[in-house]
Amino acid sequence: VWNLIKTYTASSDADLSFVDGTDGVDFTAYDEFVFKFINIHPETDQVSLMVNFRDGGSSYDASKTTTTFRSGHNEGDSATQLGYVGDEGYDLANGTGDQYLFEGLGNDNDQSCSGYLHLFSPSDTTFVKHFISNFQGYRYNEYTANWYVAGYCNVTAAIDGVQFKMDSDNIDAGTISLYGIS
């Protein structure tokens, strides 16, 4: 059963953060959480949607190890893409920086991305915290693209915050909803 916990609607926001203990968010209430993204649209052209996790402190800097691949197709039918993009700097190897979820978003009126991020057992204090995501979007260069990211927060402390933002400028529009799965 999907249980809606919180929905944020972006309006020129620098970030959208879901923090344990605020606005009804309780990362101890379920073992599985899903963030659903609908029409995330940036203010600036050619930017990337990012995620980071907080593990008890005040900073979003939990250590992560990730893997990333994407596929794409140009709307003019002139080029396609498929492959691993970690070698292009989109993966983290026990890094604390923000993780790419979708790269190259366009800010034309018809460009956005939608998708999900699934987070497993964020309040567990024994094991690492696994996550998977899948995003489909319309990029700045007239490509449709599908991004897959998976990995884990390499911490045994509970994850008590999840933050989404662009690598540059603000999230102009779109919604992010958090669901607990029971």
Foldseek 3Di string as FASTA:
>chain_A
DWAWQDKDKDAQAQKDKDFDPPSRDHLVPFQKKKKWWDFFAFPAFFWFKWKFFDQPDDDRFFFKFKWKWKWKAAPVRPDIDTDTCVVVVQTHDRGRDIHTPGGAFGRDPPWGKIWMKMWGRQQALPAWIKIKIWMWIQGNRRMIMIMIMIITRHHSGHTGMMMMHIPDGGRRTIMIIMIHDD
